[in-house]
All heavy atoms as atom14 arrays in JSON, in Angstrom:
{
  "sequence": "KVRGGATAQPSTAFHGDVRHRTQAMVAQKSMLARAALTFV",
  "atom14_mask": [
    [1, 1, 1, 1, 1, 1, 1, 1, 1, 0, 0, 0, 0, 0],
    [1, 1, 1, 1, 1, 1, 1, 0, 0, 0, 0, 0, 0, 0],
    [1, 1, 1, 1, 1, 1, 1, 1, 1, 1, 1, 0, 0, 0],
    [1, 1, 1, 1, 0, 0, 0, 0, 0, 0, 0, 0, 0, 0],
    [1, 1, 1, 1, 0, 0, 0, 0, 0, 0, 0, 0, 0, 0],
    [1, 1, 1, 1, 1, 0, 0, 0, 0, 0, 0, 0, 0, 0],
    [1, 1, 1, 1, 1, 1, 1, 0, 0, 0, 0, 0, 0, 0],
    [1, 1, 1, 1, 1, 0, 0, 0, 0, 0, 0, 0, 0, 0],
    [1, 1, 1, 1, 1, 1, 1, 1, 1, 0, 0, 0, 0, 0],
    [1, 1, 1, 1, 1, 1, 1, 0, 0, 0, 0, 0, 0, 0],
    [1, 1, 1, 1, 1, 1, 0, 0, 0, 0, 0, 0, 0, 0],
    [1, 1, 1, 1, 1, 1, 1, 0, 0, 0, 0, 0, 0, 0],
    [1, 1, 1, 1, 1, 0, 0, 0, 0, 0, 0, 0, 0, 0],
    [1, 1, 1, 1, 1, 1, 1, 1, 1, 1, 1, 0, 0, 0],
    [1, 1, 1, 1, 1, 1, 1, 1, 1, 1, 0, 0, 0, 0],
    [1, 1, 1, 1, 0, 0, 0, 0, 0, 0, 0, 0, 0, 0],
    [1, 1, 1, 1, 1, 1, 1, 1, 0, 0, 0, 0, 0, 0],
    [1, 1, 1, 1, 1, 1, 1, 0, 0, 0, 0, 0, 0, 0],
    [1, 1, 1, 1, 1, 1, 1, 1, 1, 1, 1, 0, 0, 0],
    [1, 1, 1, 1, 1, 1, 1, 1, 1, 1, 0, 0, 0, 0],
    [1, 1, 1, 1, 1, 1, 1, 1, 1, 1, 1, 0, 0, 0],
    [1, 1, 1, 1, 1, 1, 1, 0, 0, 0, 0, 0, 0, 0],
    [1, 1, 1, 1, 1, 1, 1, 1, 1, 0, 0, 0, 0, 0],
    [1, 1, 1, 1, 1, 0, 0, 0, 0, 0, 0, 0, 0, 0],
    [1, 1, 1, 1, 1, 1, 1, 1, 0, 0, 0, 0, 0, 0],
    [1, 1, 1, 1, 1, 1, 1, 0, 0, 0, 0, 0, 0, 0],
    [1, 1, 1, 1, 1, 0, 0, 0, 0, 0, 0, 0, 0, 0],
    [1, 1, 1, 1, 1, 1, 1, 1, 1, 0, 0, 0, 0, 0],
    [1, 1, 1, 1, 1, 1, 1, 1, 1, 0, 0, 0, 0, 0],
    [1, 1, 1, 1, 1, 1, 0, 0, 0, 0, 0, 0, 0, 0],
    [1, 1, 1, 1, 1, 1, 1, 1, 0, 0, 0, 0, 0, 0],
    [1, 1, 1, 1, 1, 1, 1, 1, 0, 0, 0, 0, 0, 0],
    [1, 1, 1, 1, 1, 0, 0, 0, 0, 0, 0, 0, 0, 0],
    [1, 1, 1, 1, 1, 1, 1, 1, 1, 1, 1, 0, 0, 0],
    [1, 1, 1, 1, 1, 0, 0, 0, 0, 0, 0, 0, 0, 0],
    [1, 1, 1, 1, 1, 0, 0, 0, 0, 0, 0, 0, 0, 0],
    [1, 1, 1, 1, 1, 1, 1, 1, 0, 0, 0, 0, 0, 0],
    [1, 1, 1, 1, 1, 1, 1, 0, 0, 0, 0, 0, 0, 0],
    [1, 1, 1, 1, 1, 1, 1, 1, 1, 1, 1, 0, 0, 0],
    [1, 1, 1, 1, 1, 1, 1, 0, 0, 0, 0, 0, 0, 0]
  ],
  "atom14_positions": [
    [[-3.09, -9.34, 12.93], [-2.12, -9.94, 13.9], [-0.7, -9.7, 13.32], [-0.47, -9.9, 12.12], [-2.26, -11.43, 14.19], [-3.53, -11.62, 15.05], [-3.67, -13.16, 15.18], [-2.62, -13.91, 16.0], [-2.73, -15.34, 16.14], [0.0, 0.0, 0.0], [0.0, 0.0, 0.0], [0.0, 0.0, 0.0], [0.0, 0.0, 0.0], [0.0, 0.0, 0.0]],
    [[0.21, -9.32, 14.22], [1.66, -9.14, 13.8], [2.47, -9.9, 14.8], [1.92, -10.24, 15.9], [1.98, -7.64, 13.72], [1.27, -6.99, 12.48], [1.7, -6.87, 14.96], [0.0, 0.0, 0.0], [0.0, 0.0, 0.0], [0.0, 0.0, 0.0], [0.0, 0.0, 0.0], [0.0, 0.0, 0.0], [0.0, 0.0, 0.0], [0.0, 0.0, 0.0]],
    [[3.69, -9.95, 14.6], [4.64, -10.57, 15.6], [4.46, -9.91, 17.03], [4.73, -8.68, 17.17], [6.02, -10.56, 15.14], [7.07, -11.33, 15.94], [8.45, -11.18, 15.47], [9.41, -11.95, 16.23], [9.54, -13.23, 16.19], [8.9, -14.06, 15.32], [10.46, -13.83, 16.96], [0.0, 0.0, 0.0], [0.0, 0.0, 0.0], [0.0, 0.0, 0.0]],
    [[4.07, -10.61, 17.99], [3.99, -10.1, 19.31], [2.69, -9.4, 19.67], [2.6, -8.96, 20.9], [0.0, 0.0, 0.0], [0.0, 0.0, 0.0], [0.0, 0.0, 0.0], [0.0, 0.0, 0.0], [0.0, 0.0, 0.0], [0.0, 0.0, 0.0], [0.0, 0.0, 0.0], [0.0, 0.0, 0.0], [0.0, 0.0, 0.0], [0.0, 0.0, 0.0]],
    [[1.84, -9.14, 18.78], [0.62, -8.36, 19.07], [-0.25, -8.33, 17.89], [-0.39, -9.1, 17.03], [0.0, 0.0, 0.0], [0.0, 0.0, 0.0], [0.0, 0.0, 0.0], [0.0, 0.0, 0.0], [0.0, 0.0, 0.0], [0.0, 0.0, 0.0], [0.0, 0.0, 0.0], [0.0, 0.0, 0.0], [0.0, 0.0, 0.0], [0.0, 0.0, 0.0]],
    [[-0.88, -7.04, 17.89], [-1.91, -6.78, 16.83], [-1.89, -5.25, 16.6], [-1.54, -4.56, 17.41], [-3.29, -7.27, 17.22], [0.0, 0.0, 0.0], [0.0, 0.0, 0.0], [0.0, 0.0, 0.0], [0.0, 0.0, 0.0], [0.0, 0.0, 0.0], [0.0, 0.0, 0.0], [0.0, 0.0, 0.0], [0.0, 0.0, 0.0], [0.0, 0.0, 0.0]],
    [[-2.31, -4.95, 15.3], [-2.25, -3.41, 14.99], [-3.52, -3.28, 14.2], [-4.14, -4.1, 13.49], [-1.05, -3.1, 14.22], [-1.08, -1.77, 13.77], [-0.92, -3.91, 12.89], [0.0, 0.0, 0.0], [0.0, 0.0, 0.0], [0.0, 0.0, 0.0], [0.0, 0.0, 0.0], [0.0, 0.0, 0.0], [0.0, 0.0, 0.0], [0.0, 0.0, 0.0]],
    [[-4.0, -1.95, 14.13], [-5.17, -1.56, 13.37], [-4.6, -0.81, 12.09], [-5.4, -0.48, 11.27], [-6.05, -0.65, 14.2], [0.0, 0.0, 0.0], [0.0, 0.0, 0.0], [0.0, 0.0, 0.0], [0.0, 0.0, 0.0], [0.0, 0.0, 0.0], [0.0, 0.0, 0.0], [0.0, 0.0, 0.0], [0.0, 0.0, 0.0], [0.0, 0.0, 0.0]],
    [[-3.39, -0.65, 12.02], [-2.78, 0.1, 10.83], [-2.86, -0.82, 9.54], [-2.62, -1.91, 9.64], [-1.23, 0.36, 11.15], [-1.02, 1.29, 12.2], [-1.62, 2.63, 11.99], [-1.74, 3.2, 10.83], [-2.13, 3.32, 13.06], [0.0, 0.0, 0.0], [0.0, 0.0, 0.0], [0.0, 0.0, 0.0], [0.0, 0.0, 0.0], [0.0, 0.0, 0.0]],
    [[-3.31, -0.12, 8.46], [-3.4, -1.0, 7.25], [-2.12, -1.46, 6.66], [-1.08, -0.95, 7.06], [-3.97, 0.05, 6.3], [-4.61, 1.23, 7.17], [-3.75, 1.25, 8.4], [0.0, 0.0, 0.0], [0.0, 0.0, 0.0], [0.0, 0.0, 0.0], [0.0, 0.0, 0.0], [0.0, 0.0, 0.0], [0.0, 0.0, 0.0], [0.0, 0.0, 0.0]],
    [[-2.15, -2.48, 5.93], [-1.02, -3.09, 5.27], [-1.43, -3.39, 3.85], [-2.45, -3.01, 3.37], [-0.57, -4.34, 6.06], [-1.58, -5.44, 5.81], [0.0, 0.0, 0.0], [0.0, 0.0, 0.0], [0.0, 0.0, 0.0], [0.0, 0.0, 0.0], [0.0, 0.0, 0.0], [0.0, 0.0, 0.0], [0.0, 0.0, 0.0], [0.0, 0.0, 0.0]],
    [[-0.5, -4.13, 3.16], [-0.87, -4.36, 1.72], [-2.14, -5.33, 1.63], [-2.75, -5.43, 0.63], [0.32, -5.04, 1.08], [0.77, -6.17, 1.79], [1.55, -4.05, 0.94], [0.0, 0.0, 0.0], [0.0, 0.0, 0.0], [0.0, 0.0, 0.0], [0.0, 0.0, 0.0], [0.0, 0.0, 0.0], [0.0, 0.0, 0.0], [0.0, 0.0, 0.0]],
    [[-2.28, -6.15, 2.75], [-3.38, -7.16, 2.71], [-4.48, -6.74, 3.62], [-5.57, -7.35, 3.53], [-2.86, -8.39, 3.07], [0.0, 0.0, 0.0], [0.0, 0.0, 0.0], [0.0, 0.0, 0.0], [0.0, 0.0, 0.0], [0.0, 0.0, 0.0], [0.0, 0.0, 0.0], [0.0, 0.0, 0.0], [0.0, 0.0, 0.0], [0.0, 0.0, 0.0]],
    [[-4.36, -5.81, 4.58], [-5.39, -5.46, 5.57], [-5.74, -3.96, 5.31], [-4.8, -3.15, 5.4], [-4.85, -5.69, 6.89], [-5.75, -5.23, 8.03], [-7.07, -5.79, 8.1], [-5.48, -4.18, 8.87], [-7.94, -5.38, 9.25], [-6.31, -3.65, 9.9], [-7.58, -4.35, 10.02], [0.0, 0.0, 0.0], [0.0, 0.0, 0.0], [0.0, 0.0, 0.0]],
    [[-6.98, -3.65, 4.99], [-7.27, -2.33, 4.72], [-7.43, -1.46, 5.9], [-7.72, -0.27, 5.8], [-8.48, -2.24, 3.75], [-9.74, -2.93, 4.25], [-10.23, -2.73, 5.4], [-10.54, -3.82, 3.58], [-11.36, -3.45, 5.62], [-11.54, -4.16, 4.44], [0.0, 0.0, 0.0], [0.0, 0.0, 0.0], [0.0, 0.0, 0.0], [0.0, 0.0, 0.0]],
    [[-7.62, -2.02, 7.1], [-7.88, -1.15, 8.33], [-9.36, -1.12, 8.48], [-10.17, -1.33, 7.72], [0.0, 0.0, 0.0], [0.0, 0.0, 0.0], [0.0, 0.0, 0.0], [0.0, 0.0, 0.0], [0.0, 0.0, 0.0], [0.0, 0.0, 0.0], [0.0, 0.0, 0.0], [0.0, 0.0, 0.0], [0.0, 0.0, 0.0], [0.0, 0.0, 0.0]],
    [[-9.76, -0.55, 9.78], [-11.2, -0.32, 9.88], [-11.67, 0.95, 9.21], [-10.77, 1.68, 8.71], [-11.53, -0.35, 11.48], [-11.12, 0.9, 12.12], [-10.02, 1.57, 11.58], [-11.56, 1.2, 13.28], [0.0, 0.0, 0.0], [0.0, 0.0, 0.0], [0.0, 0.0, 0.0], [0.0, 0.0, 0.0], [0.0, 0.0, 0.0], [0.0, 0.0, 0.0]],
    [[-12.85, 1.31, 9.35], [-13.49, 2.47, 8.65], [-12.7, 3.86, 9.04], [-12.4, 4.55, 8.23], [-14.93, 2.57, 8.84], [-15.49, 3.81, 8.43], [-15.68, 1.33, 8.28], [0.0, 0.0, 0.0], [0.0, 0.0, 0.0], [0.0, 0.0, 0.0], [0.0, 0.0, 0.0], [0.0, 0.0, 0.0], [0.0, 0.0, 0.0], [0.0, 0.0, 0.0]],
    [[-12.43, 3.92, 10.27], [-11.79, 5.14, 10.71], [-10.46, 5.34, 10.11], [-10.15, 6.45, 9.65], [-11.66, 5.25, 12.27], [-11.13, 6.49, 12.77], [-11.19, 6.59, 14.26], [-10.24, 5.73, 14.94], [-10.12, 5.72, 16.26], [-10.86, 6.41, 17.05], [-9.21, 4.81, 16.77], [0.0, 0.0, 0.0], [0.0, 0.0, 0.0], [0.0, 0.0, 0.0]],
    [[-9.71, 4.26, 10.04], [-8.37, 4.43, 9.42], [-8.44, 4.61, 7.89], [-7.67, 5.37, 7.35], [-7.51, 3.08, 9.7], [-6.84, 3.07, 11.03], [-7.45, 2.46, 12.1], [-5.72, 3.54, 11.55], [-6.81, 2.72, 13.22], [-5.63, 3.31, 12.79], [0.0, 0.0, 0.0], [0.0, 0.0, 0.0], [0.0, 0.0, 0.0], [0.0, 0.0, 0.0]],
    [[-9.39, 3.88, 7.31], [-9.65, 4.08, 5.82], [-10.09, 5.51, 5.5], [-9.58, 6.06, 4.45], [-10.56, 3.16, 5.41], [-10.16, 1.69, 5.38], [-11.33, 0.7, 5.4], [-12.38, 0.98, 4.3], [-13.54, 0.54, 4.29], [-14.08, -0.08, 5.33], [-14.39, 0.75, 3.32], [0.0, 0.0, 0.0], [0.0, 0.0, 0.0], [0.0, 0.0, 0.0]],
    [[-10.84, 6.09, 6.34], [-11.4, 7.48, 6.18], [-10.27, 8.52, 6.22], [-10.22, 9.46, 5.42], [-12.43, 7.82, 7.13], [-13.55, 6.91, 7.05], [-13.07, 9.2, 6.87], [0.0, 0.0, 0.0], [0.0, 0.0, 0.0], [0.0, 0.0, 0.0], [0.0, 0.0, 0.0], [0.0, 0.0, 0.0], [0.0, 0.0, 0.0], [0.0, 0.0, 0.0]],
    [[-9.29, 8.25, 6.98], [-8.17, 9.09, 7.29], [-7.05, 8.9, 6.25], [-6.14, 9.7, 6.19], [-7.62, 9.03, 8.62], [-8.63, 9.36, 9.85], [-8.18, 8.99, 11.21], [-7.19, 8.25, 11.39], [-8.82, 9.47, 12.17], [0.0, 0.0, 0.0], [0.0, 0.0, 0.0], [0.0, 0.0, 0.0], [0.0, 0.0, 0.0], [0.0, 0.0, 0.0]],
    [[-7.08, 7.94, 5.47], [-6.0, 7.56, 4.48], [-6.28, 8.28, 3.14], [-7.43, 8.25, 2.64], [-5.92, 6.16, 4.32], [0.0, 0.0, 0.0], [0.0, 0.0, 0.0], [0.0, 0.0, 0.0], [0.0, 0.0, 0.0], [0.0, 0.0, 0.0], [0.0, 0.0, 0.0], [0.0, 0.0, 0.0], [0.0, 0.0, 0.0], [0.0, 0.0, 0.0]],
    [[-5.26, 8.72, 2.47], [-5.33, 9.29, 1.06], [-6.47, 10.3, 0.89], [-7.17, 10.31, -0.09], [-5.54, 8.13, 0.09], [-4.45, 7.13, 0.08], [-2.95, 7.68, -0.71], [-1.75, 7.48, 0.63], [0.0, 0.0, 0.0], [0.0, 0.0, 0.0], [0.0, 0.0, 0.0], [0.0, 0.0, 0.0], [0.0, 0.0, 0.0], [0.0, 0.0, 0.0]],
    [[-6.6, 11.18, 1.84], [-7.6, 12.21, 1.81], [-7.64, 13.08, 0.62], [-8.56, 13.3, -0.01], [-7.59, 13.05, 3.26], [-8.6, 14.12, 3.08], [-7.86, 12.16, 4.37], [0.0, 0.0, 0.0], [0.0, 0.0, 0.0], [0.0, 0.0, 0.0], [0.0, 0.0, 0.0], [0.0, 0.0, 0.0], [0.0, 0.0, 0.0], [0.0, 0.0, 0.0]],
    [[-6.35, 13.62, 0.3], [-6.23, 14.42, -0.81], [-6.56, 13.8, -2.13], [-7.23, 14.33, -2.98], [-4.95, 15.05, -0.84], [0.0, 0.0, 0.0], [0.0, 0.0, 0.0], [0.0, 0.0, 0.0], [0.0, 0.0, 0.0], [0.0, 0.0, 0.0], [0.0, 0.0, 0.0], [0.0, 0.0, 0.0], [0.0, 0.0, 0.0], [0.0, 0.0, 0.0]],
    [[-6.13, 12.5, -2.25], [-6.36, 11.7, -3.45], [-7.84, 11.47, -3.59], [-8.42, 11.59, -4.7], [-5.53, 10.48, -3.4], [-4.04, 10.68, -3.6], [-3.31, 11.08, -2.34], [-3.91, 11.31, -1.28], [-2.03, 11.07, -2.45], [0.0, 0.0, 0.0], [0.0, 0.0, 0.0], [0.0, 0.0, 0.0], [0.0, 0.0, 0.0], [0.0, 0.0, 0.0]],
    [[-8.48, 11.07, -2.5], [-9.88, 10.71, -2.63], [-10.77, 12.02, -2.94], [-11.72, 11.9, -3.62], [-10.37, 10.18, -1.22], [-9.92, 8.78, -0.95], [-10.23, 8.26, 0.49], [-9.76, 6.97, 0.74], [-9.89, 6.47, 2.11], [0.0, 0.0, 0.0], [0.0, 0.0, 0.0], [0.0, 0.0, 0.0], [0.0, 0.0, 0.0], [0.0, 0.0, 0.0]],
    [[-10.3, 13.18, -2.49], [-10.97, 14.4, -2.88], [-10.81, 14.67, -4.33], [-11.84, 15.07, -5.02], [-10.39, 15.59, -2.04], [-10.99, 16.8, -2.41], [0.0, 0.0, 0.0], [0.0, 0.0, 0.0], [0.0, 0.0, 0.0], [0.0, 0.0, 0.0], [0.0, 0.0, 0.0], [0.0, 0.0, 0.0], [0.0, 0.0, 0.0], [0.0, 0.0, 0.0]],
    [[-9.66, 14.46, -4.89], [-9.56, 14.57, -6.41], [-10.43, 13.6, -7.11], [-11.01, 13.95, -8.14], [-8.04, 14.25, -6.77], [-7.09, 15.43, -6.51], [-5.5, 15.15, -7.2], [-4.82, 13.99, -6.1], [0.0, 0.0, 0.0], [0.0, 0.0, 0.0], [0.0, 0.0, 0.0], [0.0, 0.0, 0.0], [0.0, 0.0, 0.0], [0.0, 0.0, 0.0]],
    [[-10.45, 12.37, -6.66], [-11.4, 11.29, -7.26], [-12.78, 11.81, -7.24], [-13.48, 11.59, -8.23], [-11.15, 10.02, -6.66], [-9.78, 9.35, -6.65], [-9.84, 8.05, -5.84], [-9.35, 9.11, -8.11], [0.0, 0.0, 0.0], [0.0, 0.0, 0.0], [0.0, 0.0, 0.0], [0.0, 0.0, 0.0], [0.0, 0.0, 0.0], [0.0, 0.0, 0.0]],
    [[-13.21, 12.27, -6.11], [-14.58, 12.59, -5.83], [-14.99, 13.84, -6.91], [-16.11, 13.84, -7.47], [-14.87, 13.06, -4.44], [0.0, 0.0, 0.0], [0.0, 0.0, 0.0], [0.0, 0.0, 0.0], [0.0, 0.0, 0.0], [0.0, 0.0, 0.0], [0.0, 0.0, 0.0], [0.0, 0.0, 0.0], [0.0, 0.0, 0.0], [0.0, 0.0, 0.0]],
    [[-14.07, 14.85, -6.97], [-14.42, 15.96, -7.88], [-14.49, 15.49, -9.33], [-15.41, 16.02, -10.04], [-13.38, 17.0, -7.72], [-13.4, 17.78, -6.34], [-12.64, 19.09, -6.32], [-11.22, 18.88, -6.63], [-10.23, 18.55, -5.66], [-10.6, 18.47, -4.42], [-9.04, 18.47, -5.98], [0.0, 0.0, 0.0], [0.0, 0.0, 0.0], [0.0, 0.0, 0.0]],
    [[-13.65, 14.6, -9.69], [-13.69, 14.1, -11.11], [-15.0, 13.29, -11.26], [-15.7, 13.42, -12.29], [-12.51, 13.18, -11.31], [0.0, 0.0, 0.0], [0.0, 0.0, 0.0], [0.0, 0.0, 0.0], [0.0, 0.0, 0.0], [0.0, 0.0, 0.0], [0.0, 0.0, 0.0], [0.0, 0.0, 0.0], [0.0, 0.0, 0.0], [0.0, 0.0, 0.0]],
    [[-15.34, 12.54, -10.32], [-16.58, 11.6, -10.44], [-17.85, 12.51, -10.39], [-18.76, 12.15, -11.14], [-16.62, 10.76, -9.2], [0.0, 0.0, 0.0], [0.0, 0.0, 0.0], [0.0, 0.0, 0.0], [0.0, 0.0, 0.0], [0.0, 0.0, 0.0], [0.0, 0.0, 0.0], [0.0, 0.0, 0.0], [0.0, 0.0, 0.0], [0.0, 0.0, 0.0]],
    [[-17.89, 13.63, -9.8], [-19.08, 14.54, -9.7], [-19.45, 14.98, -11.13], [-20.64, 15.17, -11.41], [-18.79, 15.73, -8.85], [-20.0, 16.64, -8.64], [-21.09, 15.83, -7.79], [-19.57, 17.87, -7.78], [0.0, 0.0, 0.0], [0.0, 0.0, 0.0], [0.0, 0.0, 0.0], [0.0, 0.0, 0.0], [0.0, 0.0, 0.0], [0.0, 0.0, 0.0]],
    [[-18.56, 15.07, -12.04], [-18.8, 15.5, -13.38], [-19.71, 14.58, -14.09], [-20.3, 14.98, -15.13], [-17.55, 15.79, -14.21], [-16.8, 14.59, -14.42], [-16.64, 16.8, -13.39], [0.0, 0.0, 0.0], [0.0, 0.0, 0.0], [0.0, 0.0, 0.0], [0.0, 0.0, 0.0], [0.0, 0.0, 0.0], [0.0, 0.0, 0.0], [0.0, 0.0, 0.0]],
    [[-19.82, 13.34, -13.66], [-20.62, 12.27, -14.35], [-22.05, 12.21, -13.69], [-22.81, 11.32, -14.12], [-19.9, 11.01, -14.32], [-18.62, 10.96, -15.06], [-17.48, 11.29, -14.43], [-18.62, 10.79, -16.37], [-16.22, 11.32, -15.04], [-17.4, 10.86, -17.14], [-16.21, 11.07, -16.44], [0.0, 0.0, 0.0], [0.0, 0.0, 0.0], [0.0, 0.0, 0.0]],
    [[-22.32, 13.0, -12.71], [-23.51, 12.87, -11.99], [-24.54, 14.0, -12.57], [-24.06, 15.19, -12.53], [-23.41, 13.1, -10.45], [-24.72, 13.18, -9.75], [-22.49, 12.17, -9.92], [0.0, 0.0, 0.0], [0.0, 0.0, 0.0], [0.0, 0.0, 0.0], [0.0, 0.0, 0.0], [0.0, 0.0, 0.0], [0.0, 0.0, 0.0], [0.0, 0.0, 0.0]]
  ]
}
């Protein structure tokens, strides 16, 4: 909830639903994934 309505956009306290989370920080998550794969 925000003033006057509601939003699905993430904030510092609300991470958003799965679709918004998946679309956020895509390049950074790809970097993390490639680094993590070396431990598998």
